[in-house]
Protein backbone atom coordinates (compact mmCIF):
# COMPACT_ATOMS: atom_id res chain seq x y z
CA UNK A 1 -31.10 37.59 -120.59
CA UNK A 2 -29.34 34.88 -119.53
CA UNK A 3 -25.91 33.32 -121.78
CA UNK A 4 -21.26 28.46 -125.74
CA UNK A 5 -20.32 28.41 -124.75
CA UNK A 6 -22.62 25.14 -125.32
CA UNK A 7 -17.18 21.23 -127.74
CA UNK A 8 -14.34 23.09 -127.70
CA UNK A 9 -16.77 25.67 -128.23
CA UNK A 10 -16.69 29.01 -128.88
CA UNK A 11 -18.59 29.95 -126.09
CA UNK A 12 -21.89 28.78 -127.27
CA UNK A 13 -23.04 25.33 -128.38
CA UNK A 14 -25.34 23.13 -126.32
CA UNK A 15 -25.51 19.74 -127.88
CA UNK A 16 -27.71 17.69 -125.60
CA UNK A 17 -30.15 16.11 -128.00
CA UNK A 18 -31.09 18.77 -130.51
CA UNK A 19 -30.08 21.75 -128.40
CA UNK A 20 -26.70 23.44 -128.16
CA UNK A 21 -24.23 23.40 -125.43
CA UNK A 22 -25.22 24.65 -122.10
CA UNK A 23 -22.75 27.42 -121.58
CA UNK A 24 -20.97 28.11 -124.83
CA UNK A 25 -22.98 31.24 -124.83
CA UNK A 26 -22.37 33.22 -121.69
CA UNK A 27 -26.05 33.28 -121.09
CA UNK A 28 -26.69 29.76 -122.27
CA UNK A 29 -29.45 27.65 -120.82
CA UNK A 30 -32.94 26.51 -121.55
CA UNK A 31 -35.77 28.97 -121.25
CA UNK A 32 -39.42 28.23 -120.68
CA UNK A 33 -42.36 30.42 -119.82
CA UNK A 34 -41.75 32.89 -116.99
CA UNK A 35 -42.95 31.58 -113.64
CA UNK A 36 -42.33 34.71 -111.62
CA UNK A 37 -45.12 36.33 -109.65
CA UNK A 38 -47.86 34.22 -111.13
CA UNK A 39 -50.86 36.35 -111.93
CA UNK A 40 -48.73 39.43 -112.52
CA UNK A 41 -49.32 40.67 -116.08
CA UNK A 42 -46.21 40.92 -118.20
CA UNK A 43 -45.76 43.94 -120.47
CA UNK A 44 -46.74 43.84 -124.12
CA UNK A 45 -44.06 43.85 -126.76
CA UNK A 46 -43.38 47.06 -128.64
CA UNK A 47 -41.18 47.78 -131.64
CA UNK A 48 -38.91 50.63 -132.62
CA UNK A 49 -39.66 50.54 -136.34
CA UNK A 50 -36.84 52.67 -137.73
CA UNK A 51 -33.69 51.03 -136.43
CA UNK A 52 -30.96 51.12 -139.09
CA UNK A 53 -29.66 47.89 -140.58
CA UNK A 54 -26.19 49.39 -141.03
CA UNK A 55 -25.32 52.37 -138.86
CA UNK A 56 -21.97 52.88 -140.55
CA UNK A 57 -23.02 53.40 -144.15
CA UNK A 58 -24.78 56.70 -144.77
CA UNK A 59 -26.02 55.48 -148.15
CA UNK A 60 -27.82 52.48 -146.67
CA UNK A 61 -31.34 53.58 -145.74
CA UNK A 62 -32.76 50.18 -144.79
CA UNK A 63 -34.50 49.92 -141.43
CA UNK A 64 -35.97 47.16 -139.28
CA UNK A 65 -38.13 46.70 -136.19
CA UNK A 66 -36.33 46.23 -132.87
CA UNK A 67 -38.37 44.73 -130.04
CA UNK A 68 -38.53 46.27 -126.58
CA UNK A 69 -40.68 46.23 -123.42
CA UNK A 70 -41.37 48.84 -120.75
CA UNK A 71 -42.65 48.95 -117.17
CA UNK A 72 -43.34 52.28 -115.47
CA UNK A 73 -44.60 50.86 -112.15
CA UNK A 74 -41.64 52.20 -110.18
CA UNK A 75 -41.23 55.45 -112.11
CA UNK A 76 -41.32 58.75 -110.27
CA UNK A 77 -41.21 62.11 -112.06
CA UNK A 78 -37.63 63.08 -112.74
CA UNK A 79 -36.42 59.51 -112.23
CA UNK A 80 -33.89 57.76 -114.44
CA UNK A 81 -34.32 55.23 -117.21
CA UNK A 82 -32.99 51.80 -116.32
CA UNK A 83 -32.30 50.03 -119.62
CA UNK A 84 -31.56 46.31 -119.51
CA UNK A 85 -29.83 44.98 -122.60
CA UNK A 86 -30.65 41.66 -124.21
CA UNK A 87 -27.84 39.33 -125.17
CA UNK A 88 -27.45 36.27 -127.36
CA UNK A 89 -30.99 34.94 -127.02
CA UNK A 90 -34.58 36.08 -127.02
CA UNK A 91 -35.29 38.49 -124.16
CA UNK A 92 -37.38 37.21 -121.27
CA UNK A 93 -40.06 39.63 -120.06
CA UNK A 94 -39.90 38.18 -116.55
CA UNK A 95 -37.11 40.69 -115.95
CA UNK A 96 -39.69 43.48 -116.15
CA UNK A 97 -41.38 42.24 -112.98
CA UNK A 98 -38.53 40.70 -110.97
CA UNK A 99 -34.79 40.66 -110.48
CA UNK A 100 -32.46 42.72 -108.28
CA UNK A 101 -32.83 45.78 -110.48
CA UNK A 102 -36.45 46.01 -109.38
CA UNK A 103 -35.22 47.05 -105.94
CA UNK A 104 -32.79 49.53 -107.48
CA UNK A 105 -35.67 50.93 -109.55
CA UNK A 106 -37.82 51.30 -106.45
CA UNK A 107 -34.96 53.03 -104.62
CA UNK A 108 -34.46 55.58 -107.39
CA UNK A 109 -37.88 55.86 -109.08
CA UNK A 110 -36.69 54.40 -112.36
CA UNK A 111 -38.54 53.70 -115.59
CA UNK A 112 -37.69 50.14 -116.71
CA UNK A 113 -36.95 49.17 -120.31
CA UNK A 114 -35.82 45.85 -121.78
CA UNK A 115 -34.23 45.97 -125.25
CA UNK A 116 -33.69 42.92 -127.44
CA UNK A 117 -30.37 42.47 -129.30
CA UNK A 118 -30.40 42.56 -133.10
CA UNK A 119 -30.61 39.11 -134.76
CA UNK A 120 -32.08 37.44 -131.65
CA UNK A 121 -35.68 36.69 -130.76
CA UNK A 122 -38.05 38.82 -132.85
CA UNK A 123 -35.45 41.50 -133.59
CA UNK A 124 -34.68 40.42 -137.13
CA UNK A 125 -32.96 43.02 -139.36
CA UNK A 126 -32.62 40.76 -142.40
CA UNK A 127 -34.63 38.12 -144.25
CA UNK A 128 -32.61 35.14 -142.99
CA UNK A 129 -29.36 34.32 -141.20
CA UNK A 130 -27.33 33.15 -144.17
CA UNK A 131 -23.67 34.10 -143.83
CA UNK A 132 -23.84 37.19 -146.09
CA UNK A 133 -26.77 38.48 -144.03
CA UNK A 134 -24.83 38.07 -140.77
CA UNK A 135 -22.40 40.83 -141.69
CA UNK A 136 -24.43 43.35 -139.66
CA UNK A 137 -24.29 41.22 -136.52
CA UNK A 138 -21.59 42.58 -134.25
CA UNK A 139 -21.19 44.50 -131.02
CA UNK A 140 -20.49 47.82 -132.75
CA UNK A 141 -23.82 47.72 -134.61
CA UNK A 142 -25.55 46.64 -131.37
CA UNK A 143 -24.08 49.61 -129.50
CA UNK A 144 -25.28 51.97 -132.22
CA UNK A 145 -28.73 50.36 -131.86
CA UNK A 146 -28.67 51.23 -128.16
CA UNK A 147 -27.70 54.83 -128.81
CA UNK A 148 -30.36 55.35 -131.46
CA UNK A 149 -32.98 53.62 -129.31
CA UNK A 150 -32.26 55.90 -126.36
CA UNK A 151 -32.81 58.95 -128.55
CA UNK A 152 -36.02 57.43 -129.87
CA UNK A 153 -37.34 56.58 -126.40
CA UNK A 154 -36.74 60.08 -125.08
CA UNK A 155 -38.41 61.67 -128.11
CA UNK A 156 -41.66 59.73 -127.83
CA UNK A 157 -44.58 61.89 -126.79
CA UNK A 158 -45.97 59.13 -124.60
CA UNK A 159 -42.70 59.12 -122.66
CA UNK A 160 -42.23 62.89 -122.64
CA UNK A 161 -41.28 62.84 -118.95
CA UNK A 162 -38.11 60.93 -119.86
CA UNK A 163 -36.54 63.66 -121.98
CA UNK A 164 -34.14 64.77 -119.27
CA UNK A 165 -33.82 61.44 -117.48
CA UNK A 166 -30.43 59.89 -116.89
CA UNK A 167 -29.93 56.47 -118.48
CA UNK A 168 -28.33 53.61 -116.54
CA UNK A 169 -27.60 50.40 -118.43
CA UNK A 170 -27.78 46.88 -117.01
CA UNK A 171 -26.51 43.71 -118.62
CA UNK A 172 -25.36 40.23 -117.70
CA UNK A 173 -22.70 38.17 -119.44
CA UNK A 174 -22.29 39.30 -123.08
CA UNK A 175 -25.02 41.90 -122.51
CA UNK A 176 -22.91 43.13 -119.60
CA UNK A 177 -20.03 43.58 -122.02
CA UNK A 178 -22.33 45.70 -124.17
CA UNK A 179 -23.37 47.78 -121.15
CA UNK A 180 -19.73 48.58 -120.37
CA UNK A 181 -18.83 49.28 -123.99
CA UNK A 182 -21.90 51.49 -124.50
CA UNK A 183 -20.90 53.63 -121.51
CA UNK A 184 -17.40 53.82 -123.03
CA UNK A 185 -18.53 54.75 -126.57
CA UNK A 186 -21.62 56.89 -125.79
CA UNK A 187 -20.99 58.61 -122.42
CA UNK A 188 -23.18 61.57 -123.44
CA UNK A 189 -26.20 59.23 -123.67
CA UNK A 190 -25.38 56.69 -120.97
CA UNK A 191 -24.78 58.11 -117.49
CA UNK A 192 -23.69 54.80 -115.92
CA UNK A 193 -23.68 51.03 -116.37
CA UNK A 194 -23.76 47.86 -114.28
CA UNK A 195 -21.95 45.00 -116.00
CA UNK A 196 -22.56 41.63 -114.35
CA UNK A 197 -20.27 38.68 -115.16
CA UNK A 198 -19.25 40.51 -118.32
CA UNK A 199 -16.51 38.97 -120.48
CA UNK A 200 -14.51 42.03 -121.46
CA UNK A 201 -11.37 40.74 -123.15
CA UNK A 202 -11.92 38.92 -126.47
CA UNK A 203 -9.97 35.67 -126.55
CA UNK A 204 -9.96 32.92 -129.14
CA UNK A 205 -8.78 29.99 -126.98
CA UNK A 206 -10.62 30.27 -123.68
CA UNK A 207 -9.09 27.18 -122.07
CA UNK A 208 -9.33 28.73 -118.61
CA UNK A 209 -13.07 28.11 -118.72
CA UNK A 210 -12.92 24.36 -118.12
CA UNK A 211 -9.86 24.76 -115.88
CA UNK A 212 -11.96 27.06 -113.68
CA UNK A 213 -14.84 24.57 -113.72
CA UNK A 214 -12.53 21.76 -112.59
CA UNK A 215 -10.93 23.81 -109.84
CA UNK A 216 -14.30 25.00 -108.55
CA UNK A 217 -15.32 21.40 -107.91
CA UNK A 218 -12.74 21.43 -105.12
CA UNK A 219 -15.05 23.47 -102.88
CA UNK A 220 -16.58 20.11 -101.93
CA UNK A 221 -13.17 18.45 -101.46
CA UNK A 222 -10.47 17.21 -103.82
CA UNK A 223 -12.01 13.75 -104.34
CA UNK A 224 -14.70 15.05 -106.71
CA UNK A 225 -12.26 16.39 -109.27
CA UNK A 226 -10.09 13.28 -108.93
CA UNK A 227 -13.05 11.01 -109.68
CA UNK A 228 -13.98 13.11 -112.72
CA UNK A 229 -10.45 12.73 -114.03
CA UNK A 230 -10.49 8.99 -113.37
CA UNK A 231 -13.76 8.65 -115.26
CA UNK A 232 -12.64 10.63 -118.30
CA UNK A 233 -9.33 8.79 -118.59
CA UNK A 234 -11.07 5.44 -118.37
CA UNK A 235 -13.67 6.48 -120.95
CA UNK A 236 -10.97 7.66 -123.31
CA UNK A 237 -9.26 4.29 -123.02
CA UNK A 238 -12.56 2.50 -123.68
CA UNK A 239 -13.15 4.54 -126.83
CA UNK A 240 -10.39 2.49 -128.46
CA UNK A 241 -12.01 -0.80 -127.42
CA UNK A 242 -15.00 -1.67 -129.67
CA UNK A 243 -16.23 -4.25 -127.17
CA UNK A 244 -16.95 -1.36 -124.78
CA UNK A 245 -19.15 0.58 -127.20
CA UNK A 246 -22.39 -1.08 -126.15
CA UNK A 247 -21.63 -0.34 -122.50
CA UNK A 248 -20.88 3.32 -123.24
CA UNK A 249 -23.96 3.57 -125.47
CA UNK A 250 -26.34 2.33 -122.81
CA UNK A 251 -24.71 3.84 -119.73
CA UNK A 252 -24.53 7.34 -121.19
CA UNK A 253 -27.87 7.17 -123.02
CA UNK A 254 -26.41 8.09 -126.39
CA UNK A 255 -28.75 9.09 -129.22
CA UNK A 256 -26.61 7.33 -131.84
CA UNK A 257 -24.27 4.38 -132.05
CA UNK A 258 -20.57 5.07 -131.69
CA UNK A 259 -18.64 5.12 -134.96
CA UNK A 260 -14.94 4.85 -134.21
CA UNK A 261 -14.06 6.33 -137.62
CA UNK A 262 -15.68 9.66 -136.75
CA UNK A 263 -13.01 11.25 -134.58
CA UNK A 264 -14.97 14.50 -134.19
CA UNK A 265 -17.77 12.55 -132.50
CA UNK A 266 -15.28 11.74 -129.77
CA UNK A 267 -14.76 15.45 -129.19
CA UNK A 268 -18.49 16.12 -129.09
CA UNK A 269 -19.02 13.30 -126.60
CA UNK A 270 -16.34 14.45 -124.17
CA UNK A 271 -17.27 18.10 -124.53
CA UNK A 272 -20.90 17.40 -123.68
CA UNK A 273 -19.93 15.44 -120.59
CA UNK A 274 -17.69 18.29 -119.49
CA UNK A 275 -20.59 20.67 -120.11
CA UNK A 276 -22.69 18.73 -117.61
CA UNK A 277 -20.37 20.03 -114.92
CA UNK A 278 -19.77 23.44 -116.49
CA UNK A 279 -23.49 24.22 -116.53
CA UNK A 280 -23.83 23.29 -112.88
CA UNK A 281 -20.80 25.35 -111.84
CA UNK A 282 -21.82 28.36 -113.93
CA UNK A 283 -25.26 28.57 -112.35
CA UNK A 284 -24.52 27.12 -108.92
CA UNK A 285 -27.23 28.26 -106.49
CA UNK A 286 -28.32 31.06 -108.84
CA UNK A 287 -31.97 31.95 -108.27
CA UNK A 288 -33.20 31.56 -111.88
CA UNK A 289 -36.58 29.88 -111.38
CA UNK A 290 -38.49 33.08 -112.17
CA UNK A 291 -37.19 32.92 -115.75
CA UNK A 292 -38.96 29.61 -116.36
CA UNK A 293 -35.78 27.56 -116.65
CA UNK A 294 -36.47 23.85 -116.91
CA UNK A 295 -35.93 21.76 -113.82
CA UNK A 296 -34.38 22.62 -110.49
CA UNK A 297 -30.77 23.58 -110.90
CA UNK A 298 -28.44 20.88 -109.61
CA UNK A 299 -25.62 22.33 -107.53
CA UNK A 300 -21.90 21.61 -107.31
CA UNK A 301 -22.62 19.70 -104.13
CA UNK A 302 -25.24 17.60 -105.93
CA UNK A 303 -22.95 16.42 -108.72
CA UNK A 304 -19.94 15.98 -106.43
CA UNK A 305 -22.00 13.89 -104.03
CA UNK A 306 -22.72 11.60 -106.97
CA UNK A 307 -19.09 11.49 -108.09
CA UNK A 308 -17.85 10.58 -104.61
CA UNK A 309 -20.57 8.01 -103.80
CA UNK A 310 -18.78 4.64 -103.85
CA UNK A 311 -22.09 2.79 -103.64
CA UNK A 312 -22.92 3.87 -107.21
CA UNK A 313 -20.12 1.82 -108.71
CA UNK A 314 -16.91 2.91 -110.40
CA UNK A 315 -16.08 6.47 -111.46
CA UNK A 316 -17.39 5.91 -115.02
CA UNK A 317 -20.78 4.82 -113.70
CA UNK A 318 -20.94 7.89 -111.46
CA UNK A 319 -19.99 10.12 -114.41
CA UNK A 320 -22.88 8.53 -116.31
CA UNK A 321 -25.19 9.12 -113.34
CA UNK A 322 -24.38 12.83 -113.48
CA UNK A 323 -25.15 12.77 -117.21
CA UNK A 324 -28.53 11.14 -116.53
CA UNK A 325 -29.28 13.76 -113.88
CA UNK A 326 -28.65 16.58 -116.35
CA UNK A 327 -30.62 14.91 -119.14
CA UNK A 328 -33.59 14.34 -116.83
CA UNK A 329 -33.39 17.83 -115.36
CA UNK A 330 -33.76 19.41 -118.79
CA UNK A 331 -36.19 16.87 -120.22
CA UNK A 332 -33.77 15.30 -122.70
CA UNK A 333 -34.08 11.64 -123.68
CA UNK A 334 -30.53 11.07 -124.90
CA UNK A 335 -27.10 12.59 -125.35
CA UNK A 336 -26.01 13.53 -128.86
CA UNK A 337 -22.49 12.85 -130.08
CA UNK A 338 -22.79 13.38 -133.83
CA UNK A 339 -20.64 16.23 -135.13
CA UNK A 340 -22.34 16.05 -138.52
CA UNK A 341 -25.76 16.55 -136.92
CA UNK A 342 -24.45 19.56 -135.07
CA UNK A 343 -22.97 21.10 -138.20
CA UNK A 344 -26.16 20.38 -140.16
CA UNK A 345 -28.27 22.06 -137.50
CA UNK A 346 -26.03 25.15 -137.51
CA UNK A 347 -26.31 25.39 -141.29
CA UNK A 348 -30.02 26.17 -141.05
CA UNK A 349 -30.62 29.80 -141.99
CA UNK A 350 -34.39 30.23 -141.71
CA UNK A 351 -35.65 32.36 -138.83
CA UNK A 352 -37.99 29.54 -137.81
CA UNK A 353 -35.18 26.97 -137.51
CA UNK A 354 -33.74 25.61 -134.26
CA UNK A 355 -30.42 27.19 -135.17
CA UNK A 356 -31.97 30.68 -135.26
CA UNK A 357 -32.73 30.51 -131.54
CA UNK A 358 -29.23 31.89 -131.15
CA UNK A 359 -26.74 29.15 -131.91
CA UNK A 360 -25.79 30.10 -135.47
CA UNK A 361 -25.73 33.79 -134.66
CA UNK A 362 -23.50 33.29 -131.66
CA UNK A 363 -21.11 31.09 -133.62
CA UNK A 364 -20.77 33.95 -136.09
CA UNK A 365 -20.10 36.49 -133.36
CA UNK A 366 -17.56 34.19 -131.76
CA UNK A 367 -15.71 33.69 -135.04
CA UNK A 368 -15.93 37.28 -136.26
CA UNK A 369 -15.10 39.29 -133.15
CA UNK A 370 -15.31 37.70 -129.70
CA UNK A 371 -13.79 34.21 -129.56
CA UNK A 372 -14.35 32.71 -126.09
CA UNK A 373 -14.00 29.22 -127.51
CA UNK A 374 -13.98 26.89 -124.56
CA UNK A 375 -11.34 24.27 -125.12
CA UNK A 376 -9.54 21.42 -123.40
CA UNK A 377 -6.17 22.92 -124.29
CA UNK A 378 -4.73 22.95 -120.74
CA UNK A 379 -3.57 20.38 -118.22
CA UNK A 380 -5.52 22.24 -115.53
CA UNK A 381 -8.84 20.82 -116.73
CA UNK A 382 -9.84 17.26 -115.79
CA UNK A 383 -12.38 16.41 -118.50
CA UNK A 384 -10.07 14.37 -120.73
CA UNK A 385 -6.69 14.70 -122.45
CA UNK A 386 -5.78 18.26 -123.46
CA UNK A 387 -6.13 17.48 -127.16
CA UNK A 388 -9.72 16.15 -127.00
CA UNK A 389 -11.51 19.38 -127.90
CA UNK A 390 -8.89 22.06 -128.64
CA UNK A 391 -9.81 25.50 -129.97
CA UNK A 392 -9.39 24.45 -133.59
CA UNK A 393 -12.37 22.15 -133.22
CA UNK A 394 -14.52 25.26 -133.05
CA UNK A 395 -12.55 27.29 -135.57
CA UNK A 396 -13.02 24.41 -138.02
CA UNK A 397 -16.73 24.56 -137.23
CA UNK A 398 -16.69 28.26 -138.09
CA UNK A 399 -15.27 27.36 -141.48
CA UNK A 400 -17.60 24.44 -142.21
CA UNK A 401 -20.77 26.25 -141.07
CA UNK A 402 -20.12 29.86 -142.14
CA UNK A 403 -18.26 29.22 -145.38
CA UNK A 404 -18.98 30.39 -148.06
CA UNK A 405 -18.52 33.25 -148.73
CA UNK A 406 -15.88 33.75 -146.04
CA UNK A 407 -13.06 31.35 -145.25
CA UNK A 408 -12.28 31.16 -141.55
CA UNK A 409 -8.76 30.29 -140.42
CA UNK A 410 -7.86 30.20 -136.73
CA UNK A 411 -5.26 32.93 -137.32
CA UNK A 412 -7.94 35.19 -138.79
CA UNK A 413 -10.23 34.54 -135.84
CA UNK A 414 -7.39 35.40 -133.48
CA UNK A 415 -6.87 38.65 -135.39
CA UNK A 416 -10.58 39.41 -135.07
CA UNK A 417 -10.33 39.05 -131.30
CA UNK A 418 -7.24 41.26 -131.20
CA UNK A 419 -9.06 43.93 -133.18
CA UNK A 420 -11.97 43.83 -130.71
CA UNK A 421 -9.55 44.39 -127.83
CA UNK A 422 -7.86 47.25 -129.66
CA UNK A 423 -11.21 48.89 -130.33
CA UNK A 424 -12.59 48.68 -126.79
CA UNK A 425 -9.39 48.55 -124.76
CA UNK A 426 -9.54 44.99 -123.41
CA UNK A 427 -9.18 44.98 -119.64
CA UNK A 428 -7.89 48.57 -119.66
CA UNK A 429 -11.20 50.28 -120.31
CA UNK A 430 -10.97 54.07 -119.78
CA UNK A 431 -14.41 54.24 -118.17
CA UNK A 432 -16.25 56.13 -115.45
CA UNK A 433 -19.57 55.50 -113.68
CA UNK A 434 -19.18 51.74 -114.06
CA UNK A 435 -19.82 48.77 -111.82
CA UNK A 436 -18.27 45.41 -112.66
CA UNK A 437 -19.58 42.39 -110.77
CA UNK A 438 -18.20 38.84 -110.89
CA UNK A 439 -18.60 35.70 -108.83
CA UNK A 440 -15.62 33.80 -107.47
CA UNK A 441 -17.16 30.53 -108.72
CA UNK A 442 -17.96 31.79 -112.21
CA UNK A 443 -15.88 30.11 -114.96
CA UNK A 444 -16.19 33.33 -116.98
CA UNK A 445 -14.36 35.43 -114.42
CA UNK A 446 -11.01 34.93 -116.17
CA UNK A 447 -12.06 37.18 -119.06
CA UNK A 448 -13.78 39.75 -116.88
CA UNK A 449 -12.61 42.79 -114.91
CA UNK A 450 -11.65 41.69 -111.41
CA UNK A 451 -9.83 44.86 -110.33
CA UNK A 452 -10.17 48.51 -111.23
CA UNK A 453 -8.72 49.40 -114.64
CA UNK A 454 -5.66 51.69 -114.49
CA UNK A 455 -6.46 55.37 -114.22
CA UNK A 456 -10.10 54.98 -113.20
CA UNK A 457 -11.56 57.02 -110.35
CA UNK A 458 -13.84 56.34 -107.40
CA UNK A 459 -16.88 56.25 -109.67
CA UNK A 460 -15.74 52.82 -110.94
CA UNK A 461 -16.46 49.92 -108.58
CA UNK A 462 -15.48 46.27 -108.86
CA UNK A 463 -17.14 43.47 -106.90
CA UNK A 464 -15.76 39.94 -106.74
CA UNK A 465 -18.26 38.01 -104.64
CA UNK A 466 -17.30 34.88 -102.74
CA UNK A 467 -19.58 31.86 -103.08
CA UNK A 468 -21.45 33.10 -106.18
CA UNK A 469 -21.33 32.35 -109.87
CA UNK A 470 -22.60 33.75 -113.16
CA UNK A 471 -24.73 36.94 -112.90
CA UNK A 472 -25.85 36.01 -109.39
CA UNK A 473 -26.20 39.67 -108.43
CA UNK A 474 -28.86 40.23 -111.10
CA UNK A 475 -31.34 37.65 -109.83
CA UNK A 476 -34.00 38.04 -107.14
CA UNK A 477 -32.80 37.77 -103.57
CA UNK A 478 -33.07 34.41 -101.87
CA UNK A 479 -32.75 33.06 -98.34
CA UNK A 480 -29.80 31.04 -99.67
CA UNK A 481 -27.86 34.14 -100.75
CA UNK A 482 -24.47 34.49 -99.04
CA UNK A 483 -24.08 37.71 -97.01
CA UNK A 484 -21.52 39.05 -99.50
CA UNK A 485 -24.11 38.92 -102.28
CA UNK A 486 -26.73 40.72 -100.23
CA UNK A 487 -24.20 43.41 -99.32
CA UNK A 488 -23.07 43.80 -102.93
CA UNK A 489 -26.62 44.46 -104.10
CA UNK A 490 -27.03 47.08 -101.40
CA UNK A 491 -23.79 48.78 -102.41
CA UNK A 492 -24.73 48.72 -106.11
CA UNK A 493 -27.92 50.66 -105.41
CA UNK A 494 -26.02 53.21 -103.33
CA UNK A 495 -23.41 53.73 -106.06
CA UNK A 496 -26.14 54.23 -108.67
CA UNK A 497 -27.55 56.88 -106.33
CA UNK A 498 -24.27 58.78 -106.38
CA UNK A 499 -24.34 58.80 -110.19
CA UNK A 500 -27.84 60.22 -110.07
CA UNK A 501 -27.06 62.73 -107.36
CA UNK A 502 -29.60 61.18 -105.02
């Protein structure tokens, strides 16, 4: 459940080698086999076989199979249903046996359910992900899926004890957005929701993302950010000097030779190098090992120690050393810079393709309703000149990858984001029984709820936790957790108790 936010991306491309960007998707990152509680059996997959393809057309009777998992180990008679929502990738069953919500479930005797999002993983409503078939991929359809699934779950004979159970939703990143919106749209089915690091306001040009990444580097001292800026400015100057190409090629372990005529390759190159730092900042000290993520997460201190180590050579060499660290951490041999390869990969529409792991679907969602295109379009970021990977780099990608039949202009994408905010309310959600959690180090915090929306009551709580980043509150506790994080988890469980009357 983790989440292009993997080039100027729309929140979701991770282009190292054949993968997409590391954080374009709010829950971006590489997933392996769960490593949590080795020897603990993970639940078997189940399918709700009658989910509707299109909830908003009464004449469309097509259905599909939506995947879900359950764990009743903590359930006590009369207890609630805790429903964790999947986001823009295949769900990871490790959540059924670990994570902070396990303690909440134990506190309140909850029945645990994990629901996969339509179009991701094995939840495949259509025959392929060609552009016409993506028309049913949006948050409104996903929310209707949640509502129909809740009714289905409570009607099952095998789960007859859940008929009168309250339902509390959990979600991180984009799935956290869904949790909040589901409570807003279906309050008679959803009694409360915990939205962790949830981007709530749709925004086409999310330039604050890399500005936040750059500013967060300052927690180790100002020299780190200064050296990053020095490196990127020097690299940009070298890009216009063909005699430097061999040096750049070897030092940064590029998969392909530099072609000066391909200007978009320049954007890909600089975006990927910025993503090295964004991925580290986004998951700084987050306890994700139980999900089977590759490698041990480097921290902000790790990469800044490299950038400020004069013994490693000049700032460009140190920037390359950080790149090598990230490549080695995630088992990549080289760094891709080919825009055409990226576009070709995203044009794959078969469910068995690399693109179908979430990259093409998320591009569509970004273009059609959410935005969150991470760009260089601000002087506050230090990863190259402001014009290196502006928002239109991604909007052009929308057009080249998702056209035909639609033609995507940046103005239309902006209108799509505005419509999303009109539909849900943006940062002014009229909600109750909601918990919003964000980390002070999280680059996504700028599009999340950091203070109580106007008019909300005491049943809405907002946590902004010092020293933590993306979805930190959702993960298992660790000895390295700052006291504020430990206290926030404790308070979350208590607030859930007030919703349940316990």
